[in-house]
Amino acid sequence: MDLYQIFIEHNRPWSSFEIICYFIMLILLFFVYIFLYKCGKVNRVQIIAGLLLFTYYCIVLESTVFTRKNQGYHAYELEVFWSWKDVIFYHSREMLKENLLNIALLLPFGLLLPFPFYKRLRWWQGLAMGLIASAVIEVLQLVLCRGLFEFDDMIHNGFGCMLGSMLAGLLFQKLINSNLQTE
């Protein structure tokens, strides 16, 4: 299955209710940012990046939790790195692809992460934010019976977020340095 098929399979069109909820939360967040902007706490880059980060996370939640059908039971895998055992011992290419896609899932989240804070994040901060974002997804999947709760997903998602935030940190630092040189 290619990335396009995965995207189509896990991203059904949002319902009217989901669209309304998203826009209500987006508008509320926008007003919070406007208030913070008027108080001098954030700049325009932080506002745009924060809204993009929120939007991306909503898309991730939709595709990993809310668009899935209720399977009627709570599914979980508590063994850490069980998926890598499948890859190493059983040569499972599908599991390898799933692991890599789980790393890729929160990489864009990590790429956006330093910009709302308007500072370069340390590697462990990117990892922590990824683990928290992924834990929310996994707990919702478990509670709502819409997927498999697994620590491996949290580790892979956290790693992807960390990679993204490290890459963005390098970019962010170059932008800051170029702005300092032009002044």
Protein backbone atom coordinates (compact mmCIF):
# COMPACT_ATOMS: atom_id res chain seq x y z
CA MET A 1 0.00 0.00 0.00
CA ASP A 2 1.48 3.36 -0.98
CA LEU A 3 1.23 6.61 0.98
CA TYR A 4 -1.65 7.86 -1.14
CA GLN A 5 -3.69 4.70 -0.43
CA ILE A 6 -2.95 4.98 3.28
CA PHE A 7 -4.03 8.62 3.26
CA ILE A 8 -7.26 7.84 1.39
CA GLU A 9 -8.05 4.82 3.58
CA HIS A 10 -7.55 6.61 6.88
CA ASN A 11 -8.89 10.03 5.93
CA ARG A 12 -12.53 9.88 5.10
CA PRO A 13 -14.20 13.25 4.56
CA TRP A 14 -14.97 15.06 7.79
CA SER A 15 -18.59 15.23 8.86
CA SER A 16 -20.34 18.58 9.18
CA PHE A 17 -20.14 18.26 12.96
CA GLU A 18 -16.38 17.67 12.83
CA ILE A 19 -15.85 20.64 10.53
CA ILE A 20 -17.93 22.91 12.78
CA CYS A 21 -16.04 21.73 15.89
CA TYR A 22 -12.69 22.29 14.19
CA PHE A 23 -13.57 25.83 13.08
CA ILE A 24 -15.00 26.76 16.48
CA MET A 25 -11.77 25.64 18.19
CA LEU A 26 -9.65 27.33 15.50
CA ILE A 27 -11.52 30.62 15.92
CA LEU A 28 -11.23 30.43 19.72
CA LEU A 29 -7.50 29.77 19.42
CA PHE A 30 -7.19 32.65 16.95
CA PHE A 31 -8.85 35.04 19.44
CA VAL A 32 -6.51 33.84 22.21
CA TYR A 33 -3.57 34.55 19.90
CA ILE A 34 -4.95 38.01 19.03
CA PHE A 35 -5.23 38.80 22.74
CA LEU A 36 -1.66 37.60 23.30
CA TYR A 37 -0.50 39.61 20.27
CA LYS A 38 -2.08 42.80 21.63
CA CYS A 39 -0.38 42.14 24.98
CA GLY A 40 2.96 41.79 23.18
CA LYS A 41 3.40 38.14 24.16
CA VAL A 42 3.47 36.65 20.63
CA ASN A 43 4.32 37.82 17.13
CA ARG A 44 2.71 37.05 13.76
CA VAL A 45 5.01 34.12 13.02
CA GLN A 46 4.00 32.50 16.31
CA ILE A 47 0.31 32.99 15.53
CA ILE A 48 0.55 31.45 12.06
CA ALA A 49 2.75 28.58 13.27
CA GLY A 50 0.47 27.90 16.24
CA LEU A 51 -2.61 27.77 14.03
CA LEU A 52 -0.82 25.49 11.54
CA LEU A 53 0.35 23.22 14.38
CA PHE A 54 -3.20 23.02 15.74
CA THR A 55 -4.58 22.26 12.27
CA TYR A 56 -2.04 19.52 11.62
CA TYR A 57 -2.73 17.88 14.98
CA CYS A 58 -6.48 17.97 14.28
CA ILE A 59 -5.87 16.22 10.96
CA VAL A 60 -3.74 13.60 12.74
CA LEU A 61 -6.44 13.06 15.38
CA GLU A 62 -9.09 12.73 12.69
CA SER A 63 -7.13 10.17 10.70
CA THR A 64 -5.91 8.11 13.67
CA VAL A 65 -8.92 8.23 15.97
CA PHE A 66 -12.13 9.94 14.96
CA THR A 67 -12.56 8.64 11.41
CA ARG A 68 -12.02 5.03 12.45
CA LYS A 69 -14.93 2.74 13.17
CA ASN A 70 -15.56 1.52 16.69
CA GLN A 71 -14.25 -2.04 16.82
CA GLY A 72 -16.32 -2.89 19.91
CA TYR A 73 -13.42 -3.87 22.16
CA HIS A 74 -10.35 -2.32 23.75
CA ALA A 75 -7.19 -3.42 21.92
CA TYR A 76 -3.72 -2.94 23.31
CA GLU A 77 -0.16 -4.21 22.98
CA LEU A 78 1.91 -3.45 26.05
CA GLU A 79 5.17 -5.11 24.99
CA VAL A 80 7.72 -2.45 24.07
CA PHE A 81 9.34 -2.90 20.63
CA TRP A 82 7.12 -5.84 19.71
CA SER A 83 6.84 -4.40 16.20
CA TRP A 84 10.62 -4.44 15.76
CA LYS A 85 10.70 -8.08 16.82
CA ASP A 86 8.36 -8.77 13.90
CA VAL A 87 10.64 -6.82 11.59
CA ILE A 88 13.86 -8.49 12.79
CA PHE A 89 12.77 -12.07 13.45
CA TYR A 90 9.96 -12.49 10.90
CA HIS A 91 11.25 -10.05 8.26
CA SER A 92 7.90 -8.26 8.19
CA ARG A 93 8.12 -5.55 5.56
CA GLU A 94 4.60 -4.39 6.38
CA MET A 95 5.54 -3.83 10.02
CA LEU A 96 8.70 -1.99 8.96
CA LYS A 97 6.61 0.24 6.71
CA GLU A 98 4.13 0.84 9.55
CA ASN A 99 6.95 1.76 11.94
CA LEU A 100 8.46 4.19 9.43
CA LEU A 101 5.05 5.73 8.74
CA ASN A 102 4.54 6.18 12.49
CA ILE A 103 7.85 8.04 12.63
CA ALA A 104 6.76 10.15 9.66
CA LEU A 105 3.33 10.89 11.19
CA LEU A 106 4.53 13.44 13.75
CA LEU A 107 7.62 14.63 11.87
CA PRO A 108 5.66 17.61 10.39
CA PHE A 109 4.34 18.33 13.90
CA GLY A 110 7.95 18.51 15.08
CA LEU A 111 8.91 20.71 12.14
CA LEU A 112 6.30 23.26 13.21
CA LEU A 113 6.97 22.96 16.94
CA PRO A 114 9.76 25.53 17.49
CA PHE A 115 7.95 28.33 15.66
CA PRO A 116 4.99 28.89 18.05
CA PHE A 117 7.54 29.04 20.88
CA TYR A 118 9.78 31.25 18.72
CA LYS A 119 12.88 29.48 19.93
CA ARG A 120 14.97 26.47 19.15
CA LEU A 121 13.88 23.48 21.22
CA ARG A 122 16.19 20.93 22.75
CA TRP A 123 15.99 17.37 21.40
CA TRP A 124 14.32 16.10 24.57
CA GLN A 125 11.64 18.81 24.39
CA GLY A 126 10.72 17.69 20.87
CA LEU A 127 10.66 14.09 22.06
CA ALA A 128 8.52 14.97 25.10
CA MET A 129 6.01 16.93 23.00
CA GLY A 130 5.82 14.04 20.53
CA LEU A 131 5.31 11.51 23.31
CA ILE A 132 2.54 13.64 24.83
CA ALA A 133 0.81 14.20 21.47
CA SER A 134 1.08 10.49 20.69
CA ALA A 135 -0.12 9.45 24.17
CA VAL A 136 -3.29 11.49 23.61
CA ILE A 137 -3.87 9.63 20.33
CA GLU A 138 -3.18 6.21 21.84
CA VAL A 139 -5.36 6.77 24.93
CA LEU A 140 -8.23 7.99 22.74
CA GLN A 141 -7.84 4.92 20.53
CA LEU A 142 -7.99 2.68 23.60
CA VAL A 143 -10.89 4.42 25.32
CA LEU A 144 -12.98 4.85 22.16
CA CYS A 145 -12.14 1.33 20.85
CA ARG A 146 -10.79 2.78 17.61
CA GLY A 147 -7.41 1.20 17.14
CA LEU A 148 -4.59 -0.54 18.90
CA PHE A 149 -3.03 1.18 21.92
CA GLU A 150 0.68 0.48 21.77
CA PHE A 151 3.81 1.92 23.30
CA ASP A 152 5.68 1.34 20.03
CA ASP A 153 3.51 3.93 18.29
CA MET A 154 4.25 6.45 21.02
CA ILE A 155 7.99 5.81 20.73
CA HIS A 156 7.94 6.05 16.93
CA ASN A 157 5.74 9.17 16.92
CA GLY A 158 7.88 10.78 19.62
CA PHE A 159 11.04 10.01 17.66
CA GLY A 160 9.52 11.51 14.51
CA CYS A 161 8.51 14.66 16.37
CA MET A 162 11.99 14.92 17.85
CA LEU A 163 13.58 14.59 14.39
CA GLY A 164 11.23 17.24 13.02
CA SER A 165 11.92 19.66 15.85
CA MET A 166 15.68 19.16 15.48
CA LEU A 167 15.49 19.87 11.73
CA ALA A 168 13.29 22.89 12.37
CA GLY A 169 15.68 24.05 15.07
CA LEU A 170 18.50 24.14 12.53
CA LEU A 171 16.31 26.08 10.11
CA PHE A 172 15.10 28.39 12.87
CA GLN A 173 18.68 29.10 13.95
CA LYS A 174 19.68 29.93 10.36
CA LEU A 175 16.71 32.31 10.06
CA ILE A 176 17.63 34.04 13.31
CA ASN A 177 21.30 34.31 12.27
CA SER A 178 20.40 35.69 8.83
CA ASN A 179 18.08 38.27 10.43
CA LEU A 180 20.86 39.34 12.80
CA GLN A 181 23.30 39.72 9.90
CA THR A 182 20.89 41.86 7.85
CA GLU A 183 20.27 44.28 10.72
